[in-house]
Every structure is written in structure tokens, then in C-alpha cells.
Amino acid sequence: MSEDFLDPYKYGKLVAQVETMEKKIDTMEADIKKLVMMAERSKGSLWAIMGAASVFGGFVAWMADTIFRR
């Protein structure tokens, strides 16, 4: 057999593998887009929780200062 000969069986197997990988990549791309959208959505709630925690912490500090001041 010559080096230039293309085995149809191996070529078909390679094409099938590439098609399978393309499907997996398309699925992964969709999943990544969903994750990015979820991260963008949760960013606002993170800031809201941080704001509420800082207000609560300030209130606790003010109460402790008022109660324990001598």
C-alpha cells in the first residue's frame, strides 16, 4: 500500500468523531451561555445582600456602642 492511499474506513471513523465533537462543543457552548446568564443575574442579588449585611453590621455596632459606653 502506498503512503498516499486514504483508508475509507479510517476516514469515516475520523469524520464521525469530528461530528460527535462538534455536537459536544455546541452543547458546551449553550451551557456556558446559561452559566454566564446565571452569574449576571446573581450579581445583583449579591450586592443587595452585601448592602443589607453592612446596614445590619452598622446597626449592631451602634447598639453595642450605645449599650457598652461607660
PDB file of N, CA and C in Angstrom:
ATOM      1  N   MET A   1       0.843  -1.186   0.000  1.00  0.00           N
ATOM      2  CA  MET A   1       0.000   0.000   0.000  1.00  0.00           C
ATOM      3  C   MET A   1       0.881   1.239   0.000  1.00  0.00           C
ATOM      4  N   SER A   2       0.427   2.218  -0.671  1.00  0.00           N
ATOM      5  CA  SER A   2       1.163   3.469  -0.798  1.00  0.00           C
ATOM      6  C   SER A   2       0.856   4.377   0.389  1.00  0.00           C
ATOM      7  N   GLU A   3       1.766   5.303   0.670  1.00  0.00           N
ATOM      8  CA  GLU A   3       1.582   6.274   1.760  1.00  0.00           C
ATOM      9  C   GLU A   3       0.465   7.253   1.431  1.00  0.00           C
ATOM     10  N   ASP A   4       0.181   7.461   0.142  1.00  0.00           N
ATOM     11  CA  ASP A   4      -0.836   8.420  -0.271  1.00  0.00           C
ATOM     12  C   ASP A   4      -2.236   7.829  -0.254  1.00  0.00           C
ATOM     13  N   PHE A   5      -2.344   6.528   0.004  1.00  0.00           N
ATOM     14  CA  PHE A   5      -3.641   5.867  -0.010  1.00  0.00           C
ATOM     15  C   PHE A   5      -4.441   6.274   1.225  1.00  0.00           C
ATOM     16  N   LEU A   6      -5.709   6.606   1.020  1.00  0.00           N
ATOM     17  CA  LEU A   6      -6.595   7.014   2.094  1.00  0.00           C
ATOM     18  C   LEU A   6      -7.548   5.863   2.404  1.00  0.00           C
ATOM     19  N   ASP A   7      -7.469   5.360   3.615  1.00  0.00           N
ATOM     20  CA  ASP A   7      -8.328   4.253   4.030  1.00  0.00           C
ATOM     21  C   ASP A   7      -9.739   4.791   4.289  1.00  0.00           C
ATOM     22  N   PRO A   8     -10.742   4.379   3.529  1.00  0.00           N
ATOM     23  CA  PRO A   8     -12.108   4.905   3.707  1.00  0.00           C
ATOM     24  C   PRO A   8     -12.682   4.605   5.091  1.00  0.00           C
ATOM     25  N   TYR A   9     -12.322   3.469   5.663  1.00  0.00           N
ATOM     26  CA  TYR A   9     -12.829   3.121   6.995  1.00  0.00           C
ATOM     27  C   TYR A   9     -12.301   4.100   8.046  1.00  0.00           C
ATOM     28  N   LYS A  10     -10.983   4.351   8.011  1.00  0.00           N
ATOM     29  CA  LYS A  10     -10.394   5.281   8.979  1.00  0.00           C
ATOM     30  C   LYS A  10     -10.899   6.695   8.755  1.00  0.00           C
ATOM     31  N   TYR A  11     -11.084   7.079   7.498  1.00  0.00           N
ATOM     32  CA  TYR A  11     -11.589   8.416   7.189  1.00  0.00           C
ATOM     33  C   TYR A  11     -13.016   8.575   7.712  1.00  0.00           C
ATOM     34  N   GLY A  12     -13.852   7.563   7.515  1.00  0.00           N
ATOM     35  CA  GLY A  12     -15.224   7.612   8.014  1.00  0.00           C
ATOM     36  C   GLY A  12     -15.273   7.671   9.529  1.00  0.00           C
ATOM     37  N   LYS A  13     -14.388   6.927  10.151  1.00  0.00           N
ATOM     38  CA  LYS A  13     -14.319   6.944  11.616  1.00  0.00           C
ATOM     39  C   LYS A  13     -13.904   8.335  12.117  1.00  0.00           C
ATOM     40  N   LEU A  14     -12.948   8.947  11.430  1.00  0.00           N
ATOM     41  CA  LEU A  14     -12.488  10.282  11.798  1.00  0.00           C
ATOM     42  C   LEU A  14     -13.592  11.318  11.615  1.00  0.00           C
ATOM     43  N   VAL A  15     -14.333  11.205  10.524  1.00  0.00           N
ATOM     44  CA  VAL A  15     -15.448  12.131  10.281  1.00  0.00           C
ATOM     45  C   VAL A  15     -16.502  11.981  11.367  1.00  0.00           C
ATOM     46  N   ALA A  16     -16.810  10.766  11.764  1.00  0.00           N
ATOM     47  CA  ALA A  16     -17.798  10.534  12.822  1.00  0.00           C
ATOM     48  C   ALA A  16     -17.328  11.128  14.144  1.00  0.00           C
ATOM     49  N   GLN A  17     -16.040  10.984  14.440  1.00  0.00           N
ATOM     50  CA  GLN A  17     -15.508  11.550  15.681  1.00  0.00           C
ATOM     51  C   GLN A  17     -15.606  13.076  15.665  1.00  0.00           C
ATOM     52  N   VAL A  18     -15.301  13.682  14.524  1.00  0.00           N
ATOM     53  CA  VAL A  18     -15.378  15.147  14.428  1.00  0.00           C
ATOM     54  C   VAL A  18     -16.817  15.615  14.590  1.00  0.00           C
ATOM     55  N   GLU A  19     -17.755  14.919  13.980  1.00  0.00           N
ATOM     56  CA  GLU A  19     -19.165  15.291  14.116  1.00  0.00           C
ATOM     57  C   GLU A  19     -19.628  15.171  15.562  1.00  0.00           C
ATOM     58  N   THR A  20     -19.189  14.125  16.256  1.00  0.00           N
ATOM     59  CA  THR A  20     -19.537  13.949  17.666  1.00  0.00           C
ATOM     60  C   THR A  20     -18.961  15.078  18.514  1.00  0.00           C
ATOM     61  N   MET A  21     -17.722  15.448  18.235  1.00  0.00           N
ATOM     62  CA  MET A  21     -17.098  16.546  18.983  1.00  0.00           C
ATOM     63  C   MET A  21     -17.793  17.871  18.708  1.00  0.00           C
ATOM     64  N   GLU A  22     -18.235  18.089  17.480  1.00  0.00           N
ATOM     65  CA  GLU A  22     -18.950  19.323  17.159  1.00  0.00           C
ATOM     66  C   GLU A  22     -20.250  19.415  17.951  1.00  0.00           C
ATOM     67  N   LYS A  23     -20.959  18.297  18.075  1.00  0.00           N
ATOM     68  CA  LYS A  23     -22.203  18.286  18.858  1.00  0.00           C
ATOM     69  C   LYS A  23     -21.922  18.582  20.330  1.00  0.00           C
ATOM     70  N   LYS A  24     -20.857  17.980  20.861  1.00  0.00           N
ATOM     71  CA  LYS A  24     -20.498  18.211  22.259  1.00  0.00           C
ATOM     72  C   LYS A  24     -20.103  19.660  22.487  1.00  0.00           C
ATOM     73  N   ILE A  25     -19.368  20.235  21.550  1.00  0.00           N
ATOM     74  CA  ILE A  25     -18.939  21.634  21.678  1.00  0.00           C
ATOM     75  C   ILE A  25     -20.145  22.561  21.626  1.00  0.00           C
ATOM     76  N   ASP A  26     -21.106  22.275  20.743  1.00  0.00           N
ATOM     77  CA  ASP A  26     -22.319  23.086  20.674  1.00  0.00           C
ATOM     78  C   ASP A  26     -23.096  23.030  21.988  1.00  0.00           C
ATOM     79  N   THR A  27     -23.168  21.838  22.579  1.00  0.00           N
ATOM     80  CA  THR A  27     -23.852  21.681  23.864  1.00  0.00           C
ATOM     81  C   THR A  27     -23.115  22.441  24.961  1.00  0.00           C
ATOM     82  N   MET A  28     -21.786  22.330  24.973  1.00  0.00           N
ATOM     83  CA  MET A  28     -20.999  23.040  25.983  1.00  0.00           C
ATOM     84  C   MET A  28     -21.139  24.551  25.820  1.00  0.00           C
ATOM     85  N   GLU A  29     -21.187  25.022  24.600  1.00  0.00           N
ATOM     86  CA  GLU A  29     -21.342  26.452  24.346  1.00  0.00           C
ATOM     87  C   GLU A  29     -22.670  26.961  24.894  1.00  0.00           C
ATOM     88  N   ALA A  30     -23.735  26.192  24.697  1.00  0.00           N
ATOM     89  CA  ALA A  30     -25.041  26.572  25.234  1.00  0.00           C
ATOM     90  C   ALA A  30     -25.015  26.570  26.764  1.00  0.00           C
ATOM     91  N   ASP A  31     -24.376  25.584  27.360  1.00  0.00           N
ATOM     92  CA  ASP A  31     -24.282  25.513  28.818  1.00  0.00           C
ATOM     93  C   ASP A  31     -23.489  26.693  29.377  1.00  0.00           C
ATOM     94  N   ILE A  32     -22.412  27.070  28.710  1.00  0.00           N
ATOM     95  CA  ILE A  32     -21.600  28.200  29.166  1.00  0.00           C
ATOM     96  C   ILE A  32     -22.400  29.483  29.094  1.00  0.00           C
ATOM     97  N   LYS A  33     -23.191  29.643  28.035  1.00  0.00           N
ATOM     98  CA  LYS A  33     -24.031  30.843  27.928  1.00  0.00           C
ATOM     99  C   LYS A  33     -25.035  30.899  29.070  1.00  0.00           C
ATOM    100  N   LYS A  34     -25.614  29.733  29.437  1.00  0.00           N
ATOM    101  CA  LYS A  34     -26.547  29.690  30.560  1.00  0.00           C
ATOM    102  C   LYS A  34     -25.850  30.068  31.861  1.00  0.00           C
ATOM    103  N   LEU A  35     -24.639  29.558  32.063  1.00  0.00           N
ATOM    104  CA  LEU A  35     -23.895  29.872  33.289  1.00  0.00           C
ATOM    105  C   LEU A  35     -23.567  31.365  33.374  1.00  0.00           C
ATOM    106  N   VAL A  36     -23.201  31.955  32.250  1.00  0.00           N
ATOM    107  CA  VAL A  36     -22.902  33.391  32.237  1.00  0.00           C
ATOM    108  C   VAL A  36     -24.156  34.190  32.566  1.00  0.00           C
ATOM    109  N   MET A  37     -25.293  33.788  32.002  1.00  0.00           N
ATOM    110  CA  MET A  37     -26.539  34.489  32.301  1.00  0.00           C
ATOM    111  C   MET A  37     -26.898  34.363  33.784  1.00  0.00           C
ATOM    112  N   MET A  38     -26.689  33.180  34.362  1.00  0.00           N
ATOM    113  CA  MET A  38     -26.970  32.992  35.789  1.00  0.00           C
ATOM    114  C   MET A  38     -26.044  33.846  36.641  1.00  0.00           C
ATOM    115  N   ALA A  39     -24.787  33.937  36.258  1.00  0.00           N
ATOM    116  CA  ALA A  39     -23.835  34.750  37.014  1.00  0.00           C
ATOM    117  C   ALA A  39     -24.205  36.224  36.938  1.00  0.00           C
ATOM    118  N   GLU A  40     -24.625  36.685  35.774  1.00  0.00           N
ATOM    119  CA  GLU A  40     -25.045  38.074  35.631  1.00  0.00           C
ATOM    120  C   GLU A  40     -26.273  38.368  36.483  1.00  0.00           C
ATOM    121  N   ARG A  41     -27.199  37.418  36.513  1.00  0.00           N
ATOM    122  CA  ARG A  41     -28.406  37.604  37.295  1.00  0.00           C
ATOM    123  C   ARG A  41     -28.116  37.620  38.790  1.00  0.00           C
ATOM    124  N   SER A  42     -27.216  36.776  39.231  1.00  0.00           N
ATOM    125  CA  SER A  42     -26.945  36.670  40.662  1.00  0.00           C
ATOM    126  C   SER A  42     -26.058  37.809  41.159  1.00  0.00           C
ATOM    127  N   LYS A  43     -25.429  38.528  40.249  1.00  0.00           N
ATOM    128  CA  LYS A  43     -24.576  39.631  40.663  1.00  0.00           C
ATOM    129  C   LYS A  43     -25.379  40.702  41.414  1.00  0.00           C
ATOM    130  N   GLY A  44     -26.575  40.990  40.960  1.00  0.00           N
ATOM    131  CA  GLY A  44     -27.425  41.979  41.619  1.00  0.00           C
ATOM    132  C   GLY A  44     -27.836  41.544  43.014  1.00  0.00           C
ATOM    133  N   SER A  45     -28.181  40.285  43.174  1.00  0.00           N
ATOM    134  CA  SER A  45     -28.577  39.805  44.498  1.00  0.00           C
ATOM    135  C   SER A  45     -27.395  39.807  45.456  1.00  0.00           C
ATOM    136  N   LEU A  46     -26.198  39.573  44.945  1.00  0.00           N
ATOM    137  CA  LEU A  46     -25.010  39.626  45.794  1.00  0.00           C
ATOM    138  C   LEU A  46     -24.831  41.027  46.367  1.00  0.00           C
ATOM    139  N   TRP A  47     -24.967  42.048  45.521  1.00  0.00           N
ATOM    140  CA  TRP A  47     -24.826  43.423  46.006  1.00  0.00           C
ATOM    141  C   TRP A  47     -25.926  43.786  46.999  1.00  0.00           C
ATOM    142  N   ALA A  48     -27.140  43.289  46.785  1.00  0.00           N
ATOM    143  CA  ALA A  48     -28.230  43.561  47.713  1.00  0.00           C
ATOM    144  C   ALA A  48     -27.953  42.924  49.076  1.00  0.00           C
ATOM    145  N   ILE A  49     -27.470  41.692  49.076  1.00  0.00           N
ATOM    146  CA  ILE A  49     -27.150  41.006  50.336  1.00  0.00           C
ATOM    147  C   ILE A  49     -26.001  41.713  51.047  1.00  0.00           C
ATOM    148  N   MET A  50     -24.987  42.143  50.294  1.00  0.00           N
ATOM    149  CA  MET A  50     -23.859  42.849  50.903  1.00  0.00           C
ATOM    150  C   MET A  50     -24.315  44.169  51.523  1.00  0.00           C
ATOM    151  N   GLY A  51     -25.214  44.869  50.846  1.00  0.00           N
ATOM    152  CA  GLY A  51     -25.739  46.124  51.391  1.00  0.00           C
ATOM    153  C   GLY A  51     -26.522  45.889  52.664  1.00  0.00           C
ATOM    154  N   ALA A  52     -27.378  44.864  52.663  1.00  0.00           N
ATOM    155  CA  ALA A  52     -28.167  44.556  53.858  1.00  0.00           C
ATOM    156  C   ALA A  52     -27.256  44.136  55.012  1.00  0.00           C
ATOM    157  N   ALA A  53     -26.218  43.359  54.713  1.00  0.00           N
ATOM    158  CA  ALA A  53     -25.294  42.926  55.762  1.00  0.00           C
ATOM    159  C   ALA A  53     -24.526  44.117  56.343  1.00  0.00           C
ATOM    160  N   SER A  54     -24.161  45.074  55.517  1.00  0.00           N
ATOM    161  CA  SER A  54     -23.422  46.228  56.043  1.00  0.00           C
ATOM    162  C   SER A  54     -24.325  47.112  56.900  1.00  0.00           C
ATOM    163  N   VAL A  55     -25.596  47.262  56.511  1.00  0.00           N
ATOM    164  CA  VAL A  55     -26.538  48.034  57.329  1.00  0.00           C
ATOM    165  C   VAL A  55     -26.756  47.330  58.661  1.00  0.00           C
ATOM    166  N   PHE A  56     -26.936  46.018  58.624  1.00  0.00           N
ATOM    167  CA  PHE A  56     -27.130  45.251  59.854  1.00  0.00           C
ATOM    168  C   PHE A  56     -25.887  45.338  60.744  1.00  0.00           C
ATOM    169  N   GLY A  57     -24.713  45.233  60.157  1.00  0.00           N
ATOM    170  CA  GLY A  57     -23.470  45.331  60.928  1.00  0.00           C
ATOM    171  C   GLY A  57     -23.308  46.705  61.555  1.00  0.00           C
ATOM    172  N   GLY A  58     -23.670  47.746  60.809  1.00  0.00           N
ATOM    173  CA  GLY A  58     -23.620  49.090  61.370  1.00  0.00           C
ATOM    174  C   GLY A  58     -24.584  49.270  62.527  1.00  0.00           C
ATOM    175  N   PHE A  59     -25.777  48.685  62.398  1.00  0.00           N
ATOM    176  CA  PHE A  59     -26.768  48.766  63.479  1.00  0.00           C
ATOM    177  C   PHE A  59     -26.273  48.040  64.728  1.00  0.00           C
ATOM    178  N   VAL A  60     -25.700  46.859  64.551  1.00  0.00           N
ATOM    179  CA  VAL A  60     -25.178  46.096  65.692  1.00  0.00           C
ATOM    180  C   VAL A  60     -24.034  46.865  66.357  1.00  0.00           C
ATOM    181  N   ALA A  61     -23.167  47.473  65.566  1.00  0.00           N
ATOM    182  CA  ALA A  61     -22.060  48.257  66.132  1.00  0.00           C
ATOM    183  C   ALA A  61     -22.582  49.463  66.898  1.00  0.00           C
ATOM    184  N   TRP A  62     -23.601  50.113  66.357  1.00  0.00           N
ATOM    185  CA  TRP A  62     -24.187  51.270  67.044  1.00  0.00           C
ATOM    186  C   TRP A  62     -24.847  50.847  68.352  1.00  0.00           C
ATOM    187  N   MET A  63     -25.577  49.703  68.324  1.00  0.00           N
ATOM    188  CA  MET A  63     -26.207  49.211  69.553  1.00  0.00           C
ATOM    189  C   MET A  63     -25.162  48.830  70.596  1.00  0.00           C
ATOM    190  N   ALA A  64     -24.090  48.157  70.187  1.00  0.00           N
ATOM    191  CA  ALA A  64     -23.058  47.769  71.119  1.00  0.00           C
ATOM    192  C   ALA A  64     -22.383  49.003  71.702  1.00  0.00           C
ATOM    193  N   ASP A  65     -22.159  50.009  70.882  1.00  0.00           N
ATOM    194  CA  ASP A  65     -21.533  51.240  71.378  1.00  0.00           C
ATOM    195  C   ASP A  65     -22.457  51.962  72.371  1.00  0.00           C
ATOM    196  N   THR A  66     -23.750  51.947  72.066  1.00  0.00           N
ATOM    197  CA  THR A  66     -24.716  52.610  72.963  1.00  0.00           C
ATOM    198  C   THR A  66     -24.844  51.850  74.286  1.00  0.00           C
ATOM    199  N   ILE A  67     -24.873  50.554  74.248  1.00  0.00           N
ATOM    200  CA  ILE A  67     -25.076  49.749  75.454  1.00  0.00           C
ATOM    201  C   ILE A  67     -23.819  49.718  76.323  1.00  0.00           C
ATOM    202  N   PHE A  68     -22.657  49.543  75.738  1.00  0.00           N
ATOM    203  CA  PHE A  68     -21.432  49.340  76.499  1.00  0.00           C
ATOM    204  C   PHE A  68     -20.609  50.592  76.731  1.00  0.00           C
ATOM    205  N   ARG A  69     -21.128  51.748  76.311  1.00  0.00           N
ATOM    206  CA  ARG A  69     -20.403  53.004  76.559  1.00  0.00           C
ATOM    207  C   ARG A  69     -20.445  53.315  78.049  1.00  0.00           C
ATOM    208  N   ARG A  70     -19.332  53.726  78.590  1.00  0.00           N
ATOM    209  CA  ARG A  70     -19.306  53.983  80.035  1.00  0.00           C
ATOM    210  C   ARG A  70     -19.167  55.429  80.313  1.00  0.00           C
TER     211      ARG A  70
END
